Amino acid sequence: MSVHLRRTRFVCVSDTHNASPATGAFKLPKGDVLIHAGDLTKQGTLTELQKAIEWIENSDFETKIVVAGNHDVTLDSAFCGQHALDFHNQYPQSSEDCIRLLQRSPKITFLSHQSKEIKLTKEGGPRTHFKVFGSPHSPARGLWAFSYEPDDAHKIWNEVPLDADVVITHTPPKFHCDDSRNRGSAGCEILRQKLWRVRPRLAVCGHVHEGRGMQRVQWDLTCPNIQYKEKGTYYWTDPAAGNKKQSYVDLSSGSGEPLKNDGATPKDDSQQKDKTNEVRWASSHATLPAPEGVASKADTSPTGMSSRKATRESTFSFSWIGSQVTEAASHIQTVVDASNPVGKQSAAFTSLSVSSSESATRGYGGAPPSSRCDLEALSGRMGRQETCVINAAIMASSWPHRTAGSTPYNKPIVVDIDLPTWESHSGLGLEG
């Protein structure tokens, strides 16, 4: 059975704070999916939200995904119930009306700490599918919405599903796209730890305006004695800095340096009868040519890596449990199943369930089925080796904005990644 992957284009923005294409602050490039990672407004008034929803709804994308941010105060009903007058004392706002605007939008997927399966069905589009989780929360600092204290971080981020392909959070993870002018690394460490366990293809955020950019994070999945370890981070150089090009990142197979993340889950692995599976990479997307100013033939790519001219299709084989799992580890799994009368039952249990002893191994690498590693995060998921972290803040300066004259704005960040088509997954019983 073949799984077909096709290039899918995401256009990412965050922290627009009432700016929009209509105000001339930025232009939206073409793409398949628009992501807004929060802070649509300055104070979350009904009028502000109506204008933000209007430009997002009118944008030319098959799917538009939105989460709120700490400035969108009326979208946090609990916070608004206590502190509304601190923001809107002269013109009180209805939190219910504001939330209803986004929840009832027929063109926007509004995520408030929840996940959703997205299926792109437009004729001529990529016809791919993915699971996305979106959350508005950020660490407490000052009197703002959707804030949490350090003691609540584990409870909040434990709710991110392990099979998420895209994670959208208003806050960045610690040490990744989170450099703040006054606070140093201002992201959340517990979110970073959760991303080690989930290892989504994309992690899109904002909040820390000075952290705007992209990093390609390589996770260390084999280290047995350091929790949540990373192998390294590639730092992106924006090809659009100081010119009219687009802020573009090509992580599809056509780039020559595709993202090392197959999106595998134990569900995928259990439905395969063979150790290897041929995957056909259909990386050419006829409706989405390379952005203006980006070379399509041999050249230095926007990611700073060697780029080769995209091939329409190429085929290769890979192990469904990932290239990091050795043949020895696979053999151990087979021996357990064959020699133990309850081997299959116990193997399934250790791979997929959370036991009382798992907390002691959480975040540790290794080779499943060894019980000394984080089995829940690693079993059947070793192909999830990298995550592209994007801070898509549009507003360049942070609140309070003291820049003289007009406020400078960043460009949206465009990223191409390969995703499975839902036609190919329907044959595996995985249609979303």
Protein backbone atom coordinates (compact mmCIF):
# COMPACT_ATOMS: atom_id res chain seq x y z
CA MET A 1 0.00 0.00 0.00
CA SER A 2 1.40 3.39 -1.00
CA VAL A 3 1.10 6.64 0.91
CA HIS A 4 1.24 9.66 -1.39
CA LEU A 5 2.72 12.86 -0.07
CA ARG A 6 2.09 16.18 -1.73
CA ARG A 7 3.49 19.62 -1.16
CA THR A 8 1.16 21.80 0.89
CA ARG A 9 1.74 25.51 1.41
CA PHE A 10 1.14 27.20 4.76
CA VAL A 11 1.14 30.98 5.16
CA CYS A 12 1.74 31.94 8.79
CA VAL A 13 0.97 35.19 10.60
CA SER A 14 0.61 36.21 14.23
CA ASP A 15 0.38 39.36 16.35
CA THR A 16 -1.26 41.50 13.70
CA HIS A 17 -2.80 43.75 16.40
CA ASN A 18 -5.41 45.28 14.06
CA ALA A 19 -3.00 45.45 11.11
CA SER A 20 -4.13 43.72 7.93
CA PRO A 21 -3.62 43.61 4.17
CA ALA A 22 -6.38 46.21 3.96
CA THR A 23 -4.35 48.65 6.07
CA GLY A 24 -1.30 48.10 3.88
CA ALA A 25 0.76 46.63 6.74
CA PHE A 26 1.53 43.41 4.85
CA LYS A 27 0.51 41.33 1.83
CA LEU A 28 -0.74 37.78 1.98
CA PRO A 29 1.05 35.40 -0.41
CA LYS A 30 -0.90 32.61 -2.05
CA GLY A 31 -1.18 29.30 -0.25
CA ASP A 32 -3.39 26.43 0.80
CA VAL A 33 -3.65 27.08 4.55
CA LEU A 34 -3.57 30.36 6.47
CA ILE A 35 -2.53 30.19 10.13
CA HIS A 36 -3.01 33.06 12.56
CA ALA A 37 -1.29 32.32 15.89
CA GLY A 38 -3.06 34.92 18.03
CA ASP A 39 -3.26 38.59 18.99
CA LEU A 40 -5.55 39.57 16.16
CA THR A 41 -6.39 42.76 18.05
CA LYS A 42 -5.05 45.21 20.62
CA GLN A 43 -7.77 44.77 23.25
CA GLY A 44 -10.30 42.37 21.76
CA THR A 45 -13.22 44.75 21.21
CA LEU A 46 -16.12 43.62 19.06
CA THR A 47 -15.23 46.16 16.38
CA GLU A 48 -11.60 45.06 16.30
CA LEU A 49 -12.58 41.42 15.99
CA GLN A 50 -15.13 42.12 13.26
CA LYS A 51 -12.45 43.78 11.14
CA ALA A 52 -9.95 40.98 11.77
CA ILE A 53 -12.47 38.29 10.89
CA GLU A 54 -13.43 40.15 7.74
CA TRP A 55 -9.92 40.21 6.26
CA ILE A 56 -9.25 36.62 7.25
CA GLU A 57 -12.53 35.37 5.78
CA ASN A 58 -11.88 37.26 2.55
CA SER A 59 -8.37 35.87 2.14
CA ASP A 60 -7.87 33.33 -0.65
CA PHE A 61 -7.06 30.12 1.24
CA GLU A 62 -8.90 26.83 1.33
CA THR A 63 -8.52 26.66 5.11
CA LYS A 64 -7.97 29.44 7.65
CA ILE A 65 -7.00 28.41 11.19
CA VAL A 66 -7.05 30.94 14.03
CA VAL A 67 -6.15 30.89 17.72
CA ALA A 68 -6.48 33.81 20.12
CA GLY A 69 -3.70 35.56 22.03
CA ASN A 70 -3.27 37.42 25.29
CA HIS A 71 -4.41 40.74 23.75
CA ASP A 72 -7.69 39.24 22.53
CA VAL A 73 -9.08 39.63 26.02
CA THR A 74 -12.80 39.23 25.26
CA LEU A 75 -12.15 35.74 23.84
CA ASP A 76 -11.17 34.59 27.35
CA SER A 77 -14.56 34.63 29.08
CA ALA A 78 -13.19 33.78 32.54
CA PHE A 79 -10.58 36.55 32.36
CA CYS A 80 -13.07 39.01 30.88
CA GLY A 81 -15.55 38.30 33.68
CA GLN A 82 -12.99 39.51 36.23
CA HIS A 83 -11.00 42.17 34.39
CA ALA A 84 -13.15 43.53 31.56
CA LEU A 85 -13.41 46.99 33.08
CA ASP A 86 -9.62 47.28 33.22
CA PHE A 87 -9.68 47.31 29.40
CA HIS A 88 -13.14 48.49 28.36
CA ASN A 89 -14.43 50.68 31.17
CA GLN A 90 -16.01 53.26 28.86
CA TYR A 91 -17.41 50.82 26.30
CA PRO A 92 -18.11 47.46 27.97
CA GLN A 93 -17.80 44.49 25.63
CA SER A 94 -19.72 41.22 25.57
CA SER A 95 -17.35 38.27 25.74
CA GLU A 96 -20.09 35.94 24.53
CA ASP A 97 -20.75 38.05 21.43
CA CYS A 98 -17.06 38.24 20.61
CA ILE A 99 -16.49 34.51 20.96
CA ARG A 100 -19.60 33.81 18.90
CA LEU A 101 -18.17 35.83 16.01
CA LEU A 102 -15.33 33.35 15.55
CA GLN A 103 -17.20 30.20 16.49
CA ARG A 104 -19.93 30.87 13.93
CA SER A 105 -17.65 31.95 11.10
CA PRO A 106 -18.26 29.58 8.18
CA LYS A 107 -14.78 30.21 6.77
CA ILE A 108 -12.56 30.08 9.87
CA THR A 109 -11.45 27.13 12.00
CA PHE A 110 -11.22 28.67 15.46
CA LEU A 111 -9.28 26.55 17.95
CA SER A 112 -9.40 27.31 21.66
CA HIS A 113 -7.08 24.68 23.18
CA GLN A 114 -8.41 21.88 21.00
CA SER A 115 -7.54 19.78 17.97
CA LYS A 116 -9.19 19.17 14.64
CA GLU A 117 -8.66 17.00 11.58
CA ILE A 118 -8.26 19.16 8.47
CA LYS A 119 -9.00 17.73 5.03
CA LEU A 120 -8.17 19.83 1.95
CA THR A 121 -10.65 18.89 -0.77
CA LYS A 122 -10.44 21.75 -3.26
CA GLU A 123 -10.13 20.62 -6.87
CA GLY A 124 -6.67 21.50 -8.10
CA GLY A 125 -5.35 21.80 -4.54
CA PRO A 126 -3.03 19.39 -2.76
CA ARG A 127 -5.93 17.29 -1.35
CA THR A 128 -3.91 16.49 1.76
CA HIS A 129 -4.93 16.11 5.36
CA PHE A 130 -3.41 16.79 8.76
CA LYS A 131 -4.28 17.03 12.45
CA VAL A 132 -3.86 20.44 14.05
CA PHE A 133 -3.92 21.51 17.69
CA GLY A 134 -4.36 25.17 18.58
CA SER A 135 -4.09 26.98 21.92
CA PRO A 136 -4.19 30.65 23.00
CA HIS A 137 -2.31 30.18 26.30
CA SER A 138 0.95 31.86 27.29
CA PRO A 139 2.96 32.18 30.53
CA ALA A 140 1.62 34.82 32.90
CA ARG A 141 3.25 38.23 32.65
CA GLY A 142 1.14 41.22 33.59
CA LEU A 143 -2.64 41.38 33.43
CA TRP A 144 -3.53 39.65 30.15
CA ALA A 145 -5.86 36.96 28.89
CA PHE A 146 -5.15 33.22 28.59
CA SER A 147 -2.24 33.43 31.06
CA TYR A 148 -1.06 30.52 33.18
CA GLU A 149 1.25 30.17 36.15
CA PRO A 150 4.24 27.78 36.05
CA ASP A 151 2.45 25.20 38.20
CA ASP A 152 -0.31 24.89 35.59
CA ALA A 153 1.96 24.42 32.57
CA HIS A 154 2.11 20.62 32.67
CA LYS A 155 -1.66 20.27 32.89
CA ILE A 156 -2.17 22.66 29.96
CA TRP A 157 0.38 21.22 27.54
CA ASN A 158 -0.30 17.57 28.37
CA GLU A 159 -3.50 18.05 26.39
CA VAL A 160 -1.63 18.36 23.09
CA PRO A 161 -2.32 15.06 21.26
CA LEU A 162 0.71 12.99 20.31
CA ASP A 163 -0.57 12.51 16.76
CA ALA A 164 -0.74 16.24 15.95
CA ASP A 165 0.93 17.19 12.67
CA VAL A 166 0.69 20.94 13.28
CA VAL A 167 0.73 22.65 16.68
CA ILE A 168 -0.31 26.31 16.91
CA THR A 169 0.35 28.08 20.19
CA HIS A 170 0.44 31.77 20.96
CA THR A 171 3.53 31.36 23.10
CA PRO A 172 6.76 30.01 21.63
CA PRO A 173 8.59 27.08 23.21
CA LYS A 174 11.62 27.85 25.35
CA PHE A 175 14.84 28.56 23.41
CA HIS A 176 13.13 28.52 20.00
CA CYS A 177 12.05 31.75 18.31
CA ASP A 178 11.56 33.33 21.73
CA ASP A 179 14.37 35.88 22.12
CA SER A 180 12.97 38.96 23.84
CA ARG A 181 14.60 42.34 24.04
CA ASN A 182 14.10 42.60 27.80
CA ARG A 183 13.47 39.03 28.98
CA GLY A 184 15.97 36.89 27.11
CA SER A 185 14.49 33.50 26.21
CA ALA A 186 10.82 34.14 26.99
CA GLY A 187 9.19 30.92 25.77
CA CYS A 188 7.71 28.06 27.77
CA GLU A 189 9.99 25.16 28.76
CA ILE A 190 7.09 22.77 29.41
CA LEU A 191 5.79 23.43 25.90
CA ARG A 192 9.26 22.64 24.52
CA GLN A 193 9.20 19.35 26.42
CA LYS A 194 5.80 18.51 25.01
CA LEU A 195 7.02 19.26 21.51
CA TRP A 196 9.83 16.73 22.07
CA ARG A 197 7.17 14.12 22.78
CA VAL A 198 4.78 15.11 19.98
CA ARG A 199 7.35 16.19 17.37
CA PRO A 200 4.87 17.79 14.96
CA ARG A 201 5.89 18.78 11.47
CA LEU A 202 5.10 22.44 12.19
CA ALA A 203 4.93 24.40 15.45
CA VAL A 204 3.63 27.90 14.73
CA CYS A 205 3.64 30.63 17.37
CA GLY A 206 4.02 34.36 17.96
CA HIS A 207 3.71 36.47 21.14
CA VAL A 208 7.42 37.38 21.40
CA HIS A 209 7.68 39.78 18.48
CA GLU A 210 11.48 39.97 18.43
CA GLY A 211 11.63 36.18 18.12
CA ARG A 212 10.06 36.23 14.67
CA GLY A 213 11.69 33.71 12.35
CA MET A 214 12.10 29.98 11.74
CA GLN A 215 14.17 27.25 13.33
CA ARG A 216 14.50 23.66 12.26
CA VAL A 217 14.78 21.63 15.46
CA GLN A 218 16.36 18.16 15.38
CA TRP A 219 15.26 15.98 18.29
CA ASP A 220 17.57 13.46 19.94
CA LEU A 221 15.48 10.29 20.30
CA THR A 222 18.25 7.92 21.31
CA CYS A 223 19.86 9.51 24.38
CA PRO A 224 18.96 7.35 27.41
CA ASN A 225 20.13 9.67 30.19
CA ILE A 226 19.14 13.24 29.30
CA GLN A 227 15.46 14.18 29.15
CA TYR A 228 13.97 16.05 26.19
CA LYS A 229 17.33 16.29 24.48
CA GLU A 230 17.86 18.01 21.14
CA LYS A 231 20.51 17.19 18.56
CA GLY A 232 20.71 20.71 17.26
CA THR A 233 18.92 23.63 15.68
CA TYR A 234 19.22 25.12 12.22
CA TYR A 235 18.73 28.90 12.22
CA TRP A 236 16.97 30.30 9.18
CA THR A 237 18.08 33.42 7.34
CA ASP A 238 15.09 35.32 5.97
CA PRO A 239 15.52 35.64 2.18
CA ALA A 240 13.12 38.61 2.21
CA ALA A 241 15.12 40.82 4.56
CA GLY A 242 15.52 44.25 2.97
CA ASN A 243 13.97 43.33 -0.38
CA LYS A 244 10.65 42.51 -2.05
CA LYS A 245 10.99 38.75 -1.92
CA GLN A 246 8.78 36.54 0.22
CA SER A 247 9.81 35.08 3.57
CA TYR A 248 9.86 31.54 2.22
CA VAL A 249 10.91 28.18 3.69
CA ASP A 250 10.89 25.09 1.46
CA LEU A 251 10.90 21.90 3.51
CA SER A 252 9.29 19.72 0.84
CA SER A 253 11.09 16.92 -0.97
CA GLY A 254 11.65 19.29 -3.89
CA SER A 255 14.03 21.37 -1.77
CA GLY A 256 16.64 18.63 -1.59
CA GLU A 257 16.54 18.97 2.22
CA PRO A 258 13.03 17.85 3.20
CA LEU A 259 11.86 17.94 6.79
CA LYS A 260 12.75 14.66 8.49
CA ASN A 261 9.31 13.93 9.82
CA ASP A 262 7.03 11.22 8.42
CA GLY A 263 4.17 11.99 10.82
CA ALA A 264 4.05 8.33 11.87
CA THR A 265 1.76 7.20 14.68
CA PRO A 266 1.28 3.79 16.29
CA LYS A 267 -2.05 3.62 14.46
CA ASP A 268 -0.22 3.90 11.15
CA ASP A 269 2.32 1.27 12.17
CA SER A 270 -0.24 -1.28 13.35
CA GLN A 271 -2.00 -1.27 10.00
CA GLN A 272 1.09 -2.15 7.98
CA LYS A 273 2.04 -5.78 7.31
CA ASP A 274 5.47 -5.07 5.89
CA LYS A 275 8.46 -3.49 7.60
CA THR A 276 8.89 -1.07 4.74
CA ASN A 277 6.47 0.89 2.67
CA GLU A 278 6.99 2.68 -0.59
CA VAL A 279 6.08 6.32 -0.43
CA ARG A 280 5.54 8.34 -3.55
CA TRP A 281 6.53 11.97 -3.11
CA ALA A 282 4.41 14.17 -5.34
CA SER A 283 6.17 17.37 -4.43
CA SER A 284 5.21 19.43 -7.45
CA HIS A 285 2.10 21.52 -6.87
CA ALA A 286 0.96 23.01 -10.17
CA THR A 287 -1.12 25.74 -8.57
CA LEU A 288 1.68 26.91 -6.31
CA PRO A 289 4.85 27.95 -8.14
CA ALA A 290 7.89 28.97 -6.15
CA PRO A 291 7.39 32.44 -4.64
CA GLU A 292 8.71 35.44 -6.48
CA GLY A 293 12.45 35.81 -6.08
CA VAL A 294 13.03 32.16 -5.13
CA ALA A 295 15.09 30.15 -7.62
CA SER A 296 13.63 26.85 -8.76
CA LYS A 297 16.86 25.37 -10.08
CA ALA A 298 20.20 24.63 -8.47
CA ASP A 299 20.90 27.53 -6.15
CA THR A 300 21.17 28.36 -2.48
CA SER A 301 17.70 27.79 -1.10
CA PRO A 302 15.93 30.14 1.35
CA THR A 303 16.87 27.69 4.09
CA GLY A 304 20.53 28.23 3.28
CA MET A 305 20.97 24.63 2.20
CA SER A 306 21.80 23.13 -1.18
CA SER A 307 18.69 23.21 -3.35
CA ARG A 308 18.02 21.03 -6.34
CA LYS A 309 15.44 21.46 -9.04
CA ALA A 310 12.23 19.81 -7.89
CA THR A 311 11.49 16.41 -9.37
CA ARG A 312 7.85 15.66 -9.96
CA GLU A 313 7.97 12.24 -8.35
CA SER A 314 10.55 10.04 -6.71
CA THR A 315 10.10 6.82 -4.77
CA PHE A 316 12.00 5.46 -1.80
CA SER A 317 11.46 2.98 1.03
CA PHE A 318 11.51 3.60 4.74
CA SER A 319 10.77 1.70 7.93
CA TRP A 320 7.43 2.63 9.46
CA ILE A 321 9.06 2.75 12.90
CA GLY A 322 11.69 5.14 11.66
CA SER A 323 15.28 5.06 10.52
CA GLN A 324 16.60 5.53 14.07
CA VAL A 325 15.22 2.15 15.17
CA THR A 326 17.82 -0.50 14.45
CA GLU A 327 17.23 -3.96 13.05
CA ALA A 328 18.22 -5.29 16.46
CA ALA A 329 15.39 -3.39 18.12
CA SER A 330 12.91 -4.66 15.54
CA HIS A 331 14.16 -8.20 16.14
CA ILE A 332 13.68 -7.82 19.88
CA GLN A 333 10.04 -6.88 19.29
CA THR A 334 9.56 -10.00 17.13
CA VAL A 335 11.14 -12.27 19.76
CA VAL A 336 8.90 -10.84 22.47
CA ASP A 337 5.80 -11.54 20.39
CA ALA A 338 6.85 -15.09 19.46
CA SER A 339 8.22 -16.40 22.75
CA ASN A 340 5.87 -14.89 25.30
CA PRO A 341 2.36 -16.42 25.43
CA VAL A 342 1.01 -12.98 26.19
CA GLY A 343 3.73 -11.20 24.27
CA LYS A 344 1.48 -9.46 21.80
CA GLN A 345 -0.81 -8.18 24.49
CA SER A 346 2.03 -6.93 26.69
CA ALA A 347 3.86 -5.36 23.73
CA ALA A 348 0.75 -3.44 22.72
CA PHE A 349 0.30 -2.33 26.30
CA THR A 350 3.84 -1.04 26.73
CA SER A 351 3.73 0.72 23.36
CA LEU A 352 0.43 2.51 23.62
CA SER A 353 -0.66 2.90 27.22
CA VAL A 354 0.54 5.11 30.02
CA SER A 355 1.63 3.05 33.00
CA SER A 356 2.45 4.26 36.49
CA SER A 357 6.15 3.81 35.76
CA GLU A 358 6.06 5.88 32.56
CA SER A 359 6.51 9.19 34.35
CA ALA A 360 9.97 8.00 35.38
CA THR A 361 10.99 7.47 31.75
CA ARG A 362 9.15 10.41 30.19
CA GLY A 363 11.37 12.44 27.90
CA TYR A 364 14.16 9.85 27.67
CA GLY A 365 15.29 8.48 24.34
CA GLY A 366 16.15 4.91 23.46
CA ALA A 367 15.06 2.04 21.23
CA PRO A 368 11.55 0.67 21.70
CA PRO A 369 10.49 -1.79 23.04
CA SER A 370 12.96 -1.06 25.82
CA SER A 371 11.00 0.00 28.89
CA ARG A 372 13.78 2.42 29.83
CA CYS A 373 12.70 5.00 27.25
CA ASP A 374 9.56 7.09 26.72
CA LEU A 375 7.57 4.34 25.01
CA GLU A 376 4.42 6.38 24.51
CA ALA A 377 6.33 9.13 22.71
CA LEU A 378 8.65 6.87 20.70
CA SER A 379 6.88 3.61 19.82
CA GLY A 380 5.94 3.64 16.16
CA ARG A 381 6.94 7.31 15.98
CA MET A 382 10.71 7.35 15.48
CA GLY A 383 10.28 8.85 12.01
CA ARG A 384 9.24 12.12 13.65
CA GLN A 385 12.79 13.44 13.91
CA GLU A 386 12.44 17.18 13.20
CA THR A 387 10.05 20.04 13.80
CA CYS A 388 9.92 23.36 11.99
CA VAL A 389 9.25 26.08 14.61
CA ILE A 390 7.92 29.34 13.17
CA ASN A 391 7.33 32.58 15.05
CA ALA A 392 5.15 34.50 12.61
CA ALA A 393 4.78 37.82 14.45
CA ILE A 394 3.77 40.54 12.00
CA MET A 395 4.25 43.50 14.32
CA ALA A 396 8.01 43.90 14.74
CA SER A 397 8.11 45.82 18.03
CA SER A 398 6.71 44.66 21.35
CA TRP A 399 4.10 46.28 23.56
CA PRO A 400 4.27 49.05 24.67
CA HIS A 401 5.28 50.25 21.23
CA ARG A 402 7.71 53.14 21.63
CA THR A 403 9.06 53.19 18.09
CA ALA A 404 8.93 56.70 16.70
CA GLY A 405 6.81 57.17 13.61
CA SER A 406 5.09 54.30 11.85
CA THR A 407 5.22 50.82 13.40
CA PRO A 408 7.40 48.45 11.34
CA TYR A 409 5.83 45.19 10.19
CA ASN A 410 7.24 41.82 9.23
CA LYS A 411 6.13 39.76 6.27
CA PRO A 412 4.09 36.55 6.60
CA ILE A 413 6.23 33.40 6.61
CA VAL A 414 5.49 30.90 3.85
CA VAL A 415 6.44 27.25 4.35
CA ASP A 416 6.06 24.24 2.07
CA ILE A 417 5.92 20.77 3.62
CA ASP A 418 4.88 17.36 2.33
CA LEU A 419 1.65 15.95 3.74
CA PRO A 420 -0.23 12.71 2.99
CA THR A 421 -3.14 12.84 0.59
CA TRP A 422 -6.38 11.62 2.07
CA GLU A 423 -7.04 9.46 -1.00
CA SER A 424 -3.96 7.36 -0.22
CA HIS A 425 -4.85 7.11 3.46
CA SER A 426 -8.43 6.03 2.71
CA GLY A 427 -6.99 2.73 1.51
CA LEU A 428 -5.35 2.26 4.92
CA GLY A 429 -8.52 2.97 6.85
CA LEU A 430 -7.06 6.30 7.96
CA GLU A 431 -9.23 8.74 6.04
CA GLY A 432 -9.75 11.89 8.06
